[in-house]
Amino acid sequence: MKLSSFKFELPLNLIAQKPTARREDSRLMVIDRKTGKMEDKHFKDILNYFDDKDVFVVNNTKVFPARMYGRKEKTGAKIEVFLLRELNKPNRLWDVIVDPARKIRVGNKLYFGDNDELVAEVIDNTTSRGRTIKFLWEDDEESFKKMLEFLGETPLPKYIKRKPDEEDKERYQTVYAKHEGAVAAPTGGMHFSKELIKRCEIKGIRFAEVTLHTGLGTFRPIEVEDLSKHKMDAEYYAIDEMACNIVNKGKEQGRRICSIGTTTMRALETSFTAQKLLKPSEGWTNHFIHPPYDFNIADSLVTNFHLPKTSLLIMTAAFAGFDLTQAAYEKAIKDKYRFFSYGDAMLII
């Protein structure tokens, strides 16, 4: 399938700039793959589509304040530094993206904070905008982490045209976030409140947790028309034995297995057995799912409405079917569903 098949006109006013007042009050389009039926609901209605011993698989990654602003030595030019991943804890080495990149060369120093509380030195060029930097910090790891939290801000995507505020620290995160390492939220799960999770558990729905630290590669523009030639950036994932036991027991009992989000689905589709059961593993995955594709673990999916020509939309089409996905998106635009990170959700069953 070709990238151009996933192009559509999205009115900019449908890209959500703020979250709903309550998480579970976002809208939910329910799509039945067998019948093609589409229903307009609210997210809290998800309870009506699942029963005792069904399984929700969630991604418990936690977003850290990855966007920082520094000043270049001598010139004082303002530089945005987006932290991607820590390479070496004792030496404070990080992979980052800098903007504007043309001003930043190996050997340059960057100063962060009103009183230069933190200093970093550029030690390598990795891509046109990518750099490896070394933070010059001699205190312990806990104080370093606190400094990054103090100086960094919630890494809202650029299409949200405002500065992040205090509310974003909580809302650009799932309520079950545990393991820090993501630079973008697993947005399909952001519709769950603690109260809704409790109601699911009372009904008998079981939750299995996996981890996939979402990186910018998930959102990086695809630049090849032939989707089979696209290479995803690798992202760290971990699936433990407890999650496998919950998922596999559900599958053996013939229960519904629902992947909450496309990042969760990528983790699941990275680690399965020949019998189509989930197996424990951890490492790095660059698995890119595009049509046609046979899914091995989950038989239902919760995901947000995505931007055109993105890997997230392409995976959704692989799961729901291209024609049904196209029809759902036409309906979403017509009915003014809200798109992307703070937008509404779809449940594909």
Protein backbone atom coordinates (compact mmCIF):
# COMPACT_ATOMS: atom_id res chain seq x y z
CA MET A 1 0.00 0.00 0.00
CA LYS A 2 1.16 3.54 -0.79
CA LEU A 3 1.65 6.47 1.57
CA SER A 4 -0.51 8.74 -0.62
CA SER A 5 -3.51 6.52 0.17
CA PHE A 6 -3.45 7.96 3.70
CA LYS A 7 -3.67 11.61 2.71
CA PHE A 8 -6.82 13.51 3.64
CA GLU A 9 -7.84 17.09 4.32
CA LEU A 10 -8.12 17.75 8.04
CA PRO A 11 -9.63 21.07 9.15
CA LEU A 12 -7.16 22.62 11.58
CA ASN A 13 -9.95 23.53 14.00
CA LEU A 14 -10.49 19.81 14.66
CA ILE A 15 -7.02 19.38 16.19
CA ALA A 16 -7.74 19.48 19.92
CA GLN A 17 -5.82 22.19 21.77
CA LYS A 18 -7.02 21.29 25.28
CA PRO A 19 -8.29 18.10 26.93
CA THR A 20 -11.93 17.58 27.89
CA ALA A 21 -12.87 18.64 31.43
CA ARG A 22 -13.04 14.98 32.49
CA ARG A 23 -11.05 12.24 30.80
CA GLU A 24 -13.89 9.80 30.22
CA ASP A 25 -16.17 12.49 28.74
CA SER A 26 -14.31 12.51 25.42
CA ARG A 27 -16.31 11.13 22.52
CA LEU A 28 -15.94 7.53 21.38
CA MET A 29 -16.69 6.23 17.90
CA VAL A 30 -17.33 2.48 18.08
CA ILE A 31 -16.60 0.59 14.87
CA ASP A 32 -17.60 -3.02 14.23
CA ARG A 33 -15.20 -4.62 11.75
CA LYS A 34 -17.64 -7.40 10.80
CA THR A 35 -20.73 -5.32 10.13
CA GLY A 36 -19.18 -1.93 9.35
CA LYS A 37 -21.57 -0.34 11.87
CA MET A 38 -20.42 2.90 13.54
CA GLU A 39 -21.85 4.26 16.77
CA ASP A 40 -21.38 7.63 18.48
CA LYS A 41 -20.74 7.24 22.21
CA HIS A 42 -18.69 8.73 25.02
CA PHE A 43 -15.58 7.04 26.34
CA LYS A 44 -17.20 6.03 29.61
CA ASP A 45 -19.54 3.84 27.50
CA ILE A 46 -16.63 1.52 26.70
CA LEU A 47 -17.80 -0.58 29.65
CA ASN A 48 -20.82 -1.70 27.63
CA TYR A 49 -18.65 -3.47 25.05
CA PHE A 50 -16.64 -5.69 27.41
CA ASP A 51 -17.49 -8.39 29.92
CA ASP A 52 -16.10 -10.29 32.88
CA LYS A 53 -12.58 -11.65 32.26
CA ASP A 54 -11.99 -9.58 29.10
CA VAL A 55 -8.55 -7.95 29.10
CA PHE A 56 -7.40 -4.37 28.56
CA VAL A 57 -3.68 -4.16 27.77
CA VAL A 58 -2.23 -0.73 28.62
CA ASN A 59 1.10 0.98 28.11
CA ASN A 60 2.38 2.21 31.50
CA THR A 61 5.15 4.42 30.13
CA LYS A 62 5.50 7.85 31.74
CA VAL A 63 6.25 11.07 29.89
CA PHE A 64 9.10 13.17 31.24
CA PRO A 65 9.54 16.95 30.72
CA ALA A 66 11.62 16.52 27.59
CA ARG A 67 11.56 20.03 26.08
CA MET A 68 14.14 22.49 27.41
CA TYR A 69 15.33 25.92 26.33
CA GLY A 70 18.96 26.92 26.59
CA ARG A 71 21.26 29.70 25.50
CA LYS A 72 24.30 29.27 23.33
CA GLU A 73 27.57 30.42 24.86
CA LYS A 74 28.92 33.81 23.71
CA THR A 75 26.00 34.68 21.38
CA GLY A 76 23.19 33.96 23.87
CA ALA A 77 21.02 32.61 21.02
CA LYS A 78 17.93 30.77 22.28
CA ILE A 79 18.08 27.04 21.47
CA GLU A 80 15.34 24.48 21.95
CA VAL A 81 16.73 21.17 23.18
CA PHE A 82 14.42 18.16 23.00
CA LEU A 83 15.67 15.26 25.11
CA LEU A 84 15.22 11.90 23.40
CA ARG A 85 17.00 9.33 25.55
CA GLU A 86 19.73 9.03 28.13
CA LEU A 87 22.73 7.12 26.80
CA ASN A 88 24.96 6.86 29.83
CA LYS A 89 23.85 7.77 33.35
CA PRO A 90 27.24 8.18 35.05
CA ASN A 91 28.45 10.45 32.24
CA ARG A 92 25.15 12.33 31.71
CA LEU A 93 25.14 11.67 27.94
CA TRP A 94 21.87 12.31 26.08
CA ASP A 95 20.62 12.06 22.52
CA VAL A 96 18.75 15.28 21.74
CA ILE A 97 17.24 17.28 18.89
CA VAL A 98 18.21 20.94 18.71
CA ASP A 99 16.43 23.82 16.97
CA PRO A 100 17.77 25.81 15.21
CA ALA A 101 20.37 23.15 14.46
CA ARG A 102 22.60 25.17 12.14
CA LYS A 103 23.89 27.18 15.10
CA ILE A 104 24.93 24.20 17.20
CA ARG A 105 28.30 22.56 16.58
CA VAL A 106 30.50 20.10 18.43
CA GLY A 107 32.24 21.87 21.31
CA ASN A 108 29.50 24.45 21.85
CA LYS A 109 28.19 24.89 25.38
CA LEU A 110 24.54 25.46 26.23
CA TYR A 111 23.33 27.17 29.41
CA PHE A 112 19.94 26.42 30.97
CA GLY A 113 17.98 28.38 33.55
CA ASP A 114 17.91 32.05 34.51
CA ASN A 115 21.05 31.59 36.59
CA ASP A 116 22.78 29.01 34.41
CA GLU A 117 21.78 26.23 36.81
CA LEU A 118 22.68 23.61 34.21
CA VAL A 119 25.34 23.50 31.50
CA ALA A 120 25.76 21.02 28.64
CA GLU A 121 28.44 20.53 26.01
CA VAL A 122 27.78 19.27 22.48
CA ILE A 123 30.04 16.29 21.84
CA ASP A 124 28.68 14.78 18.60
CA ASN A 125 26.45 15.36 15.56
CA THR A 126 24.10 12.42 15.00
CA THR A 127 21.72 13.69 12.29
CA SER A 128 20.99 17.06 10.67
CA ARG A 129 19.15 18.13 13.83
CA GLY A 130 20.34 15.46 16.22
CA ARG A 131 23.17 15.94 18.70
CA THR A 132 24.73 14.08 21.61
CA ILE A 133 25.25 16.35 24.59
CA LYS A 134 26.94 15.88 27.94
CA PHE A 135 25.43 17.61 30.96
CA LEU A 136 28.16 19.01 33.20
CA TRP A 137 26.61 18.04 36.53
CA GLU A 138 28.62 16.64 39.40
CA ASP A 139 25.96 16.07 42.05
CA ASP A 140 23.98 12.85 42.50
CA GLU A 141 21.40 11.36 40.14
CA GLU A 142 18.40 12.46 42.21
CA SER A 143 19.41 16.11 42.18
CA PHE A 144 20.13 15.92 38.43
CA LYS A 145 16.67 14.49 37.77
CA LYS A 146 15.06 17.23 39.87
CA MET A 147 16.96 19.85 37.89
CA LEU A 148 15.72 18.41 34.57
CA GLU A 149 12.16 18.45 35.92
CA PHE A 150 12.60 22.05 37.07
CA LEU A 151 14.01 23.28 33.76
CA GLY A 152 12.05 21.05 31.36
CA GLU A 153 8.46 21.46 30.21
CA THR A 154 5.74 19.03 29.19
CA PRO A 155 6.56 18.05 25.58
CA LEU A 156 3.25 18.91 23.96
CA PRO A 157 3.32 18.26 20.21
CA LYS A 158 3.95 21.29 18.00
CA TYR A 159 0.44 21.23 16.55
CA ILE A 160 -0.87 22.30 19.97
CA LYS A 161 -0.41 26.02 19.51
CA ARG A 162 0.10 27.14 23.09
CA LYS A 163 2.57 26.87 25.91
CA PRO A 164 2.06 23.94 28.30
CA ASP A 165 0.53 24.81 31.67
CA GLU A 166 0.16 23.10 35.05
CA GLU A 167 -2.86 21.11 33.88
CA ASP A 168 -0.78 19.53 31.11
CA LYS A 169 1.60 18.00 33.66
CA GLU A 170 -1.27 15.77 34.75
CA ARG A 171 -3.37 15.46 31.61
CA TYR A 172 -0.59 14.75 29.06
CA GLN A 173 -0.11 11.48 30.92
CA THR A 174 -2.17 8.38 31.63
CA VAL A 175 -3.42 7.86 35.20
CA TYR A 176 -1.51 4.54 35.29
CA ALA A 177 1.85 5.95 34.09
CA LYS A 178 4.71 4.33 36.03
CA HIS A 179 7.98 3.96 34.15
CA GLU A 180 9.52 7.21 32.97
CA GLY A 181 11.03 7.27 29.51
CA ALA A 182 8.50 8.53 26.93
CA VAL A 183 8.71 11.86 25.12
CA ALA A 184 5.13 11.53 23.83
CA ALA A 185 2.08 10.25 25.65
CA PRO A 186 0.33 6.97 24.75
CA THR A 187 -2.79 8.98 24.03
CA GLY A 188 -5.27 6.12 23.57
CA GLY A 189 -5.07 5.51 27.31
CA MET A 190 -5.48 9.12 28.40
CA HIS A 191 -9.29 8.74 28.36
CA PHE A 192 -9.24 6.45 31.39
CA SER A 193 -9.83 8.07 34.77
CA LYS A 194 -9.11 6.23 38.01
CA GLU A 195 -12.86 6.00 38.58
CA LEU A 196 -13.47 4.44 35.16
CA ILE A 197 -10.69 1.90 35.75
CA LYS A 198 -12.30 0.98 39.07
CA ARG A 199 -15.68 0.49 37.35
CA CYS A 200 -13.99 -1.75 34.76
CA GLU A 201 -12.39 -3.82 37.50
CA ILE A 202 -15.72 -4.16 39.34
CA LYS A 203 -17.22 -5.52 36.12
CA GLY A 204 -14.41 -8.11 36.02
CA ILE A 205 -12.29 -6.63 33.23
CA ARG A 206 -8.63 -7.39 33.84
CA PHE A 207 -5.76 -5.02 33.15
CA ALA A 208 -2.35 -6.12 31.85
CA GLU A 209 0.50 -3.61 31.74
CA VAL A 210 3.30 -3.46 29.20
CA THR A 211 5.86 -0.69 28.64
CA LEU A 212 6.85 1.01 25.40
CA HIS A 213 8.66 4.33 25.70
CA THR A 214 7.16 6.38 22.91
CA GLY A 215 9.78 8.37 21.01
CA LEU A 216 9.56 11.01 18.32
CA GLY A 217 10.05 8.30 15.70
CA THR A 218 6.40 7.32 16.09
CA PHE A 219 5.46 10.76 14.75
CA ARG A 220 8.32 11.30 12.33
CA PRO A 221 7.03 12.04 8.80
CA ILE A 222 7.11 9.06 6.46
CA GLU A 223 9.12 10.09 3.42
CA VAL A 224 8.77 7.03 1.15
CA GLU A 225 5.74 6.24 -0.99
CA ASP A 226 6.28 2.49 -0.68
CA LEU A 227 5.40 1.74 2.96
CA SER A 228 7.46 -1.46 2.98
CA LYS A 229 10.58 0.72 2.70
CA HIS A 230 9.85 2.91 5.76
CA LYS A 231 12.13 2.34 8.75
CA MET A 232 10.80 3.20 12.22
CA ASP A 233 13.09 4.52 14.93
CA ALA A 234 13.69 1.89 17.61
CA GLU A 235 11.82 2.33 20.90
CA TYR A 236 12.43 0.49 24.19
CA TYR A 237 9.75 -1.95 25.31
CA ALA A 238 9.30 -4.47 28.14
CA ILE A 239 6.69 -7.20 28.66
CA ASP A 240 6.82 -9.15 31.91
CA GLU A 241 5.50 -12.56 32.88
CA MET A 242 2.55 -11.14 34.82
CA ALA A 243 1.22 -9.36 31.72
CA CYS A 244 1.70 -12.52 29.65
CA ASN A 245 -0.21 -14.62 32.18
CA ILE A 246 -3.19 -12.25 32.17
CA VAL A 247 -3.30 -11.94 28.36
CA ASN A 248 -2.73 -15.61 27.63
CA LYS A 249 -5.31 -16.75 30.17
CA GLY A 250 -7.80 -14.42 28.51
CA LYS A 251 -6.99 -15.80 25.07
CA GLU A 252 -7.26 -19.40 26.26
CA GLN A 253 -10.69 -18.61 27.75
CA GLY A 254 -11.83 -17.01 24.51
CA ARG A 255 -12.11 -13.57 26.08
CA ARG A 256 -11.70 -10.31 24.21
CA ILE A 257 -8.19 -8.80 24.31
CA CYS A 258 -8.21 -5.02 23.77
CA SER A 259 -5.05 -3.07 23.06
CA ILE A 260 -5.34 0.40 24.58
CA GLY A 261 -3.40 2.42 22.03
CA THR A 262 -1.18 1.79 19.03
CA THR A 263 1.99 1.85 21.13
CA THR A 264 0.62 -1.02 23.19
CA MET A 265 -0.18 -2.86 19.96
CA ARG A 266 3.39 -2.41 18.71
CA ALA A 267 4.72 -3.96 21.91
CA LEU A 268 2.30 -6.89 21.68
CA GLU A 269 3.16 -7.52 18.04
CA THR A 270 6.87 -7.55 18.88
CA SER A 271 6.70 -10.47 21.31
CA PHE A 272 4.47 -13.46 20.52
CA THR A 273 4.88 -17.20 20.13
CA ALA A 274 4.06 -19.49 17.19
CA GLN A 275 0.82 -20.31 19.05
CA LYS A 276 -0.09 -16.61 19.01
CA LEU A 277 0.43 -16.19 22.74
CA LEU A 278 2.26 -13.32 24.39
CA LYS A 279 5.78 -14.03 25.64
CA PRO A 280 7.95 -12.07 28.11
CA SER A 281 10.74 -10.01 26.56
CA GLU A 282 12.37 -6.62 26.56
CA GLY A 283 14.58 -4.69 24.20
CA TRP A 284 14.17 -2.31 21.27
CA THR A 285 11.52 -2.53 18.59
CA ASN A 286 11.30 -0.78 15.23
CA HIS A 287 8.27 -2.81 14.16
CA PHE A 288 6.23 -0.84 11.59
CA ILE A 289 2.73 -2.23 11.08
CA HIS A 290 1.06 -1.45 7.76
CA PRO A 291 -1.59 -3.16 5.58
CA PRO A 292 -1.82 -6.03 4.93
CA TYR A 293 -1.03 -7.42 8.38
CA ASP A 294 -2.31 -10.32 10.49
CA PHE A 295 -2.53 -9.37 14.17
CA ASN A 296 -1.55 -12.01 16.69
CA ILE A 297 -2.64 -10.94 20.18
CA ALA A 298 -5.34 -8.26 20.41
CA ASP A 299 -8.75 -8.52 18.73
CA SER A 300 -9.89 -4.98 19.56
CA LEU A 301 -8.20 -1.60 19.68
CA VAL A 302 -8.69 1.79 21.31
CA THR A 303 -6.94 4.63 19.54
CA ASN A 304 -7.32 8.35 18.92
CA PHE A 305 -7.96 10.04 15.59
CA HIS A 306 -4.60 10.62 13.93
CA LEU A 307 -3.07 13.05 11.50
CA PRO A 308 -2.79 12.22 7.77
CA LYS A 309 0.05 10.01 6.48
CA THR A 310 1.25 8.98 9.97
CA SER A 311 2.36 5.54 11.14
CA LEU A 312 -0.47 5.65 13.72
CA LEU A 313 -3.17 6.07 11.08
CA ILE A 314 -1.55 3.39 8.92
CA MET A 315 -1.56 0.88 11.79
CA THR A 316 -5.21 1.69 12.49
CA ALA A 317 -6.05 0.92 8.86
CA ALA A 318 -4.12 -2.34 9.08
CA PHE A 319 -6.34 -3.35 12.02
CA ALA A 320 -9.74 -2.01 10.95
CA GLY A 321 -9.31 -2.34 7.19
CA PHE A 322 -8.50 0.52 4.84
CA ASP A 323 -12.02 1.19 3.54
CA LEU A 324 -13.63 1.10 6.98
CA THR A 325 -10.93 3.39 8.40
CA GLN A 326 -11.44 5.84 5.55
CA ALA A 327 -15.20 5.85 6.13
CA ALA A 328 -14.70 6.36 9.88
CA TYR A 329 -12.42 9.33 9.31
CA GLU A 330 -14.87 10.90 6.85
CA LYS A 331 -17.56 10.56 9.50
CA ALA A 332 -15.25 11.94 12.20
CA ILE A 333 -14.56 15.07 10.16
CA LYS A 334 -18.23 15.51 9.23
CA ASP A 335 -19.34 15.07 12.86
CA LYS A 336 -16.53 17.24 14.20
CA TYR A 337 -14.70 14.70 16.33
CA ARG A 338 -11.55 16.12 17.94
CA PHE A 339 -8.24 14.85 16.59
CA PHE A 340 -4.92 13.69 17.96
CA SER A 341 -3.36 13.78 21.43
CA TYR A 342 -6.09 15.63 23.33
CA GLY A 343 -8.79 14.49 20.91
CA ASP A 344 -11.50 11.86 20.92
CA ALA A 345 -11.15 8.09 20.60
CA MET A 346 -12.32 5.21 18.50
CA LEU A 347 -12.95 1.65 19.64
CA ILE A 348 -12.49 -0.95 16.91
CA ILE A 349 -14.07 -4.31 17.74
